[in-house]
Every structure is written in C-alpha cells, then in structure tokens.
Amino acid sequence: LMRATPAIAPPASPVALPQPPRGEVSMSAVDFAYPGRPDLPALKGFSLTVRPGETVALVGPSG
C-alpha cells in the first residue's frame, strides 16, 4: 500500500494561492446524491458561502 502510485499526479508547475486569500466560494441550492444511492440525497437544497480566512468542514453521519 505504501508503494502504490497515486491515481492523480501532482501538477508539473503548481501555482501558489494569493496571500492573503481574496474572494469567496459560494454555492446555492445544491442537490447531490452518490451514484450508488441516487434515492438517498446526501445534500438537498444546500447553500454555503465561505469567505477568505474561514475554515469549513462538512461532516455527515458516517464521520
């Protein structure tokens, strides 16, 4: 397991994020279900705005 190659390769020329961060991330009325459970939405009508400097974690019942 420790010798496994990651499925996603790191970028060849990564770009640093601006410091301090600016802008925000916003989503509104998002619906989402996993393909294996399309009848059981993980998110329904979910809205969120994250402003610079904020730290957010989304945690569901399974942890």
N, C-alpha and C. Protein backbone atom coordinates (compact mmCIF):
# COMPACT_ATOMS: atom_id res chain seq x y z
N LEU A 1 0.82 -1.19 0.00
CA LEU A 1 0.00 0.00 0.00
C LEU A 1 0.87 1.26 0.00
N MET A 2 1.95 1.26 0.75
CA MET A 2 2.80 2.45 0.83
C MET A 2 3.53 2.71 -0.48
N ARG A 3 3.67 1.70 -1.33
CA ARG A 3 4.37 1.88 -2.60
C ARG A 3 3.41 2.15 -3.76
N ALA A 4 2.15 2.26 -3.46
CA ALA A 4 1.15 2.49 -4.51
C ALA A 4 1.34 3.86 -5.14
N THR A 5 1.13 3.94 -6.44
CA THR A 5 1.23 5.20 -7.16
C THR A 5 -0.12 5.90 -7.09
N PRO A 6 -0.15 7.18 -6.68
CA PRO A 6 -1.44 7.89 -6.62
C PRO A 6 -2.11 7.94 -7.99
N ALA A 7 -3.44 7.87 -8.00
CA ALA A 7 -4.19 7.93 -9.25
C ALA A 7 -4.14 9.32 -9.87
N ILE A 8 -3.93 10.34 -9.05
CA ILE A 8 -3.87 11.72 -9.54
C ILE A 8 -2.45 12.23 -9.36
N ALA A 9 -1.82 12.61 -10.45
CA ALA A 9 -0.45 13.11 -10.40
C ALA A 9 -0.43 14.58 -9.98
N PRO A 10 0.59 15.00 -9.23
CA PRO A 10 0.69 16.41 -8.87
C PRO A 10 0.95 17.25 -10.12
N PRO A 11 0.54 18.52 -10.12
CA PRO A 11 0.76 19.37 -11.30
C PRO A 11 2.25 19.59 -11.55
N ALA A 12 2.61 19.68 -12.81
CA ALA A 12 4.01 19.90 -13.18
C ALA A 12 4.51 21.27 -12.74
N SER A 13 3.66 22.28 -12.84
CA SER A 13 4.03 23.64 -12.45
C SER A 13 2.95 24.23 -11.54
N PRO A 14 2.95 23.86 -10.26
CA PRO A 14 1.90 24.37 -9.37
C PRO A 14 1.96 25.88 -9.22
N VAL A 15 0.81 26.48 -9.02
CA VAL A 15 0.70 27.93 -8.84
C VAL A 15 0.30 28.20 -7.39
N ALA A 16 1.04 29.07 -6.72
CA ALA A 16 0.73 29.40 -5.33
C ALA A 16 -0.56 30.21 -5.26
N LEU A 17 -1.32 29.98 -4.22
CA LEU A 17 -2.53 30.77 -4.00
C LEU A 17 -2.15 32.16 -3.53
N PRO A 18 -2.96 33.17 -3.85
CA PRO A 18 -2.64 34.53 -3.41
C PRO A 18 -2.68 34.64 -1.89
N GLN A 19 -1.80 35.42 -1.34
CA GLN A 19 -1.76 35.66 0.11
C GLN A 19 -1.87 37.14 0.36
N PRO A 20 -2.75 37.63 1.14
CA PRO A 20 -3.81 36.85 1.78
C PRO A 20 -4.86 36.44 0.75
N PRO A 21 -5.63 35.38 1.06
CA PRO A 21 -6.65 34.95 0.11
C PRO A 21 -7.68 36.04 -0.14
N ARG A 22 -8.25 36.06 -1.33
CA ARG A 22 -9.28 37.05 -1.62
C ARG A 22 -10.43 36.36 -2.35
N GLY A 23 -11.55 37.01 -2.36
CA GLY A 23 -12.72 36.41 -2.97
C GLY A 23 -13.42 35.48 -2.00
N GLU A 24 -14.41 34.76 -2.50
CA GLU A 24 -15.14 33.82 -1.67
C GLU A 24 -15.65 32.69 -2.55
N VAL A 25 -16.04 31.61 -1.90
CA VAL A 25 -16.65 30.47 -2.58
C VAL A 25 -18.09 30.42 -2.12
N SER A 26 -18.99 30.35 -3.08
CA SER A 26 -20.41 30.35 -2.74
C SER A 26 -21.14 29.32 -3.58
N MET A 27 -22.06 28.61 -2.95
CA MET A 27 -22.93 27.68 -3.67
C MET A 27 -24.34 27.84 -3.13
N SER A 28 -25.31 27.64 -4.00
CA SER A 28 -26.69 27.89 -3.61
C SER A 28 -27.60 26.77 -4.11
N ALA A 29 -28.42 26.24 -3.22
CA ALA A 29 -29.43 25.22 -3.54
C ALA A 29 -28.83 24.01 -4.25
N VAL A 30 -27.76 23.46 -3.70
CA VAL A 30 -27.08 22.31 -4.30
C VAL A 30 -27.75 21.01 -3.86
N ASP A 31 -28.03 20.14 -4.81
CA ASP A 31 -28.52 18.79 -4.54
C ASP A 31 -27.43 17.82 -4.98
N PHE A 32 -27.19 16.78 -4.17
CA PHE A 32 -26.17 15.79 -4.50
C PHE A 32 -26.55 14.44 -3.92
N ALA A 33 -26.37 13.39 -4.71
CA ALA A 33 -26.53 12.01 -4.25
C ALA A 33 -25.40 11.19 -4.85
N TYR A 34 -24.93 10.21 -4.11
CA TYR A 34 -23.89 9.32 -4.62
C TYR A 34 -24.51 8.40 -5.68
N PRO A 35 -23.76 8.06 -6.73
CA PRO A 35 -24.31 7.23 -7.80
C PRO A 35 -24.90 5.90 -7.30
N GLY A 36 -24.30 5.34 -6.29
CA GLY A 36 -24.79 4.06 -5.76
C GLY A 36 -26.06 4.18 -4.95
N ARG A 37 -26.43 5.40 -4.54
CA ARG A 37 -27.63 5.63 -3.74
C ARG A 37 -28.39 6.85 -4.25
N PRO A 38 -28.83 6.84 -5.52
CA PRO A 38 -29.49 8.03 -6.08
C PRO A 38 -30.80 8.39 -5.37
N ASP A 39 -31.39 7.43 -4.65
CA ASP A 39 -32.64 7.67 -3.94
C ASP A 39 -32.44 8.34 -2.58
N LEU A 40 -31.19 8.45 -2.13
CA LEU A 40 -30.88 9.00 -0.81
C LEU A 40 -29.96 10.20 -0.96
N PRO A 41 -30.50 11.43 -1.06
CA PRO A 41 -29.64 12.61 -1.25
C PRO A 41 -28.72 12.86 -0.06
N ALA A 42 -27.45 13.10 -0.35
CA ALA A 42 -26.51 13.49 0.69
C ALA A 42 -26.66 14.98 0.98
N LEU A 43 -27.00 15.75 -0.04
CA LEU A 43 -27.29 17.18 0.10
C LEU A 43 -28.57 17.49 -0.65
N LYS A 44 -29.42 18.32 -0.05
CA LYS A 44 -30.65 18.72 -0.73
C LYS A 44 -30.91 20.18 -0.38
N GLY A 45 -30.83 21.06 -1.39
CA GLY A 45 -31.05 22.48 -1.16
C GLY A 45 -29.96 23.13 -0.32
N PHE A 46 -28.74 22.58 -0.37
CA PHE A 46 -27.63 23.05 0.46
C PHE A 46 -27.06 24.35 -0.10
N SER A 47 -26.89 25.34 0.76
CA SER A 47 -26.29 26.63 0.38
C SER A 47 -25.18 26.96 1.37
N LEU A 48 -24.12 27.57 0.87
CA LEU A 48 -22.97 27.88 1.72
C LEU A 48 -22.15 28.99 1.08
N THR A 49 -21.63 29.88 1.90
CA THR A 49 -20.66 30.88 1.47
C THR A 49 -19.47 30.81 2.41
N VAL A 50 -18.28 30.69 1.85
CA VAL A 50 -17.04 30.66 2.64
C VAL A 50 -16.23 31.87 2.24
N ARG A 51 -15.92 32.70 3.21
CA ARG A 51 -15.18 33.94 2.97
C ARG A 51 -13.68 33.72 3.26
N PRO A 52 -12.83 34.59 2.72
CA PRO A 52 -11.39 34.45 2.97
C PRO A 52 -11.09 34.36 4.46
N GLY A 53 -10.21 33.44 4.81
CA GLY A 53 -9.80 33.28 6.20
C GLY A 53 -10.66 32.30 6.98
N GLU A 54 -11.82 31.93 6.45
CA GLU A 54 -12.68 30.97 7.14
C GLU A 54 -12.24 29.54 6.81
N THR A 55 -12.41 28.66 7.79
CA THR A 55 -12.16 27.24 7.60
C THR A 55 -13.47 26.51 7.81
N VAL A 56 -13.84 25.66 6.88
CA VAL A 56 -15.13 24.97 6.95
C VAL A 56 -14.91 23.48 6.72
N ALA A 57 -15.61 22.66 7.49
CA ALA A 57 -15.60 21.22 7.29
C ALA A 57 -17.04 20.73 7.20
N LEU A 58 -17.31 19.89 6.23
CA LEU A 58 -18.63 19.28 6.10
C LEU A 58 -18.50 17.83 6.55
N VAL A 59 -19.24 17.47 7.57
CA VAL A 59 -19.16 16.12 8.12
C VAL A 59 -20.56 15.55 8.22
N GLY A 60 -20.74 14.36 7.70
CA GLY A 60 -22.04 13.71 7.75
C GLY A 60 -22.10 12.67 8.85
N PRO A 61 -23.19 11.92 8.91
CA PRO A 61 -23.38 10.93 9.96
C PRO A 61 -22.29 9.86 10.02
N SER A 62 -21.67 9.53 8.89
CA SER A 62 -20.65 8.49 8.89
C SER A 62 -19.29 9.02 9.34
N GLY A 63 -19.20 10.33 9.56
CA GLY A 63 -17.97 10.91 10.07
C GLY A 63 -17.09 11.49 9.03
